[in-house]
Amino acid sequence: MTGGEVAGILVAVFWAILVSFLAVVLVRLAQTLKATTKLVADVTEQAVPLLADASATVRSAQTQLDRVDAIASDVQEVTSNASALSTTVASTFGGPLVKVAAFGYGVRKALGRDRQDAPPARDRRTVIVGRTLPSARRRKQKG
């Protein structure tokens, strides 16, 4: 064998090894692409129902928010009606009730003047929380 033939055989072997290596790489790449395609199909198959459920949940939440909004506006209306009713009752009955109370106070005062001539029944003391006695009254009580 001559040097040219050996070189030709080496090049042929080199090209055979290179083609074999590229064939293995292409087979593995094809397997990876097939697995990726299957994975994408599975994810799509699972994602579509999840998205449909999420959409239904968002619609349900919107319905509930609309109901809460309606309830809140009804409560606001009831509150304003109660406030108006309270103002009306206060203005209608407030004046006459003050007059009746003043009349009752006047009657008690008038009847109390007659009782002032009679001896006092008992000395009454009133305790007011958080209030101190003037110093003159404190001395009388102590001693």
Protein backbone atom coordinates (compact mmCIF):
# COMPACT_ATOMS: atom_id res chain seq x y z
CA MET A 1 0.00 0.00 0.00
CA THR A 2 1.17 3.27 -0.92
CA GLY A 3 1.06 6.46 1.08
CA GLY A 4 -1.83 7.81 -0.99
CA GLU A 5 -3.91 4.77 -0.37
CA VAL A 6 -3.33 4.90 3.38
CA ALA A 7 -4.28 8.55 3.42
CA GLY A 8 -7.44 7.76 1.45
CA ILE A 9 -8.38 5.00 3.89
CA LEU A 10 -7.75 7.33 6.88
CA VAL A 11 -9.95 10.02 5.37
CA ALA A 12 -12.66 7.44 4.63
CA VAL A 13 -12.50 6.12 8.22
CA PHE A 14 -12.54 9.68 9.57
CA TRP A 15 -15.63 10.49 7.47
CA ALA A 16 -17.32 7.24 8.59
CA ILE A 17 -16.69 8.08 12.26
CA LEU A 18 -17.93 11.65 11.71
CA VAL A 19 -21.09 10.47 9.93
CA SER A 20 -21.72 7.88 12.66
CA PHE A 21 -21.28 10.54 15.37
CA LEU A 22 -23.65 12.91 13.53
CA ALA A 23 -26.20 10.09 13.10
CA VAL A 24 -26.15 9.39 16.87
CA VAL A 25 -26.56 13.11 17.60
CA LEU A 26 -29.47 13.39 15.17
CA VAL A 27 -31.19 10.31 16.67
CA ARG A 28 -30.86 11.75 20.18
CA LEU A 29 -32.09 15.14 18.98
CA ALA A 30 -35.11 13.47 17.38
CA GLN A 31 -35.88 11.68 20.67
CA THR A 32 -35.58 14.94 22.60
CA LEU A 33 -37.89 16.73 20.17
CA LYS A 34 -40.42 13.89 20.39
CA ALA A 35 -40.37 14.04 24.21
CA THR A 36 -40.70 17.82 24.13
CA THR A 37 -43.66 17.59 21.76
CA LYS A 38 -45.35 15.07 24.05
CA LEU A 39 -44.68 17.28 27.10
CA VAL A 40 -46.13 20.36 25.36
CA ALA A 41 -49.21 18.37 24.34
CA ASP A 42 -49.71 17.15 27.93
CA VAL A 43 -49.29 20.63 29.36
CA THR A 44 -51.75 22.03 26.82
CA GLU A 45 -54.20 19.25 27.62
CA GLN A 46 -54.05 20.10 31.34
CA ALA A 47 -53.85 23.87 30.98
CA VAL A 48 -57.02 24.31 28.95
CA PRO A 49 -59.34 22.93 31.69
CA LEU A 50 -57.44 24.93 34.33
CA LEU A 51 -57.92 28.12 32.34
CA ALA A 52 -61.62 27.32 31.93
CA ASP A 53 -61.92 26.78 35.71
CA ALA A 54 -60.06 30.02 36.40
CA SER A 55 -62.36 31.89 34.05
CA ALA A 56 -65.43 30.44 35.78
CA THR A 57 -64.00 31.39 39.18
CA VAL A 58 -63.36 34.97 38.06
CA ARG A 59 -66.92 35.20 36.73
CA SER A 60 -68.29 33.86 40.03
CA ALA A 61 -66.19 36.33 42.01
CA GLN A 62 -67.48 39.18 39.84
CA THR A 63 -71.07 38.07 40.52
CA GLN A 64 -70.40 37.98 44.27
CA LEU A 65 -68.78 41.43 44.14
CA ASP A 66 -71.84 42.78 42.32
CA ARG A 67 -74.05 41.35 45.08
CA VAL A 68 -71.87 42.86 47.81
CA ASP A 69 -71.99 46.20 46.02
CA ALA A 70 -75.80 46.03 45.90
CA ILE A 71 -75.94 45.15 49.61
CA ALA A 72 -73.57 48.01 50.49
CA SER A 73 -75.69 50.52 48.57
CA ASP A 74 -78.84 49.21 50.32
CA VAL A 75 -77.15 49.59 53.72
CA GLN A 76 -76.11 53.12 52.82
CA GLU A 77 -79.69 53.95 51.86
CA VAL A 78 -81.05 52.47 55.10
CA THR A 79 -78.48 54.44 57.09
CA SER A 80 -79.43 57.71 55.42
CA ASN A 81 -83.14 56.95 55.99
CA ALA A 82 -82.48 56.20 59.68
CA SER A 83 -80.54 59.45 60.00
CA ALA A 84 -83.38 61.40 58.39
CA LEU A 85 -85.91 59.68 60.67
CA SER A 86 -83.81 60.47 63.73
CA THR A 87 -83.59 64.12 62.73
CA THR A 88 -87.34 64.26 62.13
CA VAL A 89 -88.14 62.65 65.49
CA ALA A 90 -85.72 64.94 67.30
CA SER A 91 -87.14 68.05 65.72
CA THR A 92 -90.76 66.93 66.21
CA PHE A 93 -90.62 65.70 69.80
CA GLY A 94 -87.52 67.48 71.08
CA GLY A 95 -89.11 70.86 71.72
CA PRO A 96 -92.23 69.58 73.50
CA LEU A 97 -90.20 67.12 75.61
CA VAL A 98 -87.92 69.92 76.77
CA LYS A 99 -90.97 71.97 77.72
CA VAL A 100 -92.49 69.05 79.66
CA ALA A 101 -89.19 68.47 81.46
CA ALA A 102 -88.93 72.16 82.33
CA PHE A 103 -92.51 72.15 83.60
CA GLY A 104 -91.80 69.08 85.75
CA TYR A 105 -88.68 70.72 87.13
CA GLY A 106 -90.65 73.85 87.96
CA VAL A 107 -93.33 71.81 89.73
CA ARG A 108 -90.71 69.97 91.79
CA LYS A 109 -89.04 73.24 92.71
CA ALA A 110 -92.35 74.73 93.73
CA LEU A 111 -93.19 71.68 95.85
CA GLY A 112 -89.66 71.66 97.25
CA ARG A 113 -90.06 75.15 98.73
CA ASP A 114 -92.81 73.84 100.97
CA ARG A 115 -90.56 71.05 102.17
CA GLN A 116 -87.72 73.45 103.01
CA ASP A 117 -89.76 74.69 105.96
CA ALA A 118 -89.89 71.12 107.33
CA PRO A 119 -86.79 69.68 109.07
CA PRO A 120 -84.43 67.88 106.72
CA ALA A 121 -84.83 64.11 106.80
CA ARG A 122 -81.18 63.18 106.54
CA ASP A 123 -77.97 64.69 105.31
CA ARG A 124 -77.31 63.12 101.90
CA ARG A 125 -73.87 62.92 100.40
CA THR A 126 -73.24 62.36 96.74
CA VAL A 127 -70.06 60.71 95.51
CA ILE A 128 -68.83 61.79 92.10
CA VAL A 129 -66.09 59.62 90.69
CA GLY A 130 -62.96 61.54 89.76
CA ARG A 131 -63.96 64.66 91.68
CA THR A 132 -62.25 65.93 94.82
CA LEU A 133 -63.82 67.94 97.60
CA PRO A 134 -62.83 71.54 98.16
CA SER A 135 -60.33 71.88 101.01
CA ALA A 136 -62.87 73.51 103.36
CA ARG A 137 -65.28 70.55 103.07
CA ARG A 138 -62.43 68.07 103.56
CA ARG A 139 -61.52 69.65 106.91
CA LYS A 140 -65.13 69.47 108.07
CA GLN A 141 -65.39 65.78 107.21
CA LYS A 142 -62.07 64.83 108.86
CA GLY A 143 -62.56 66.47 112.14
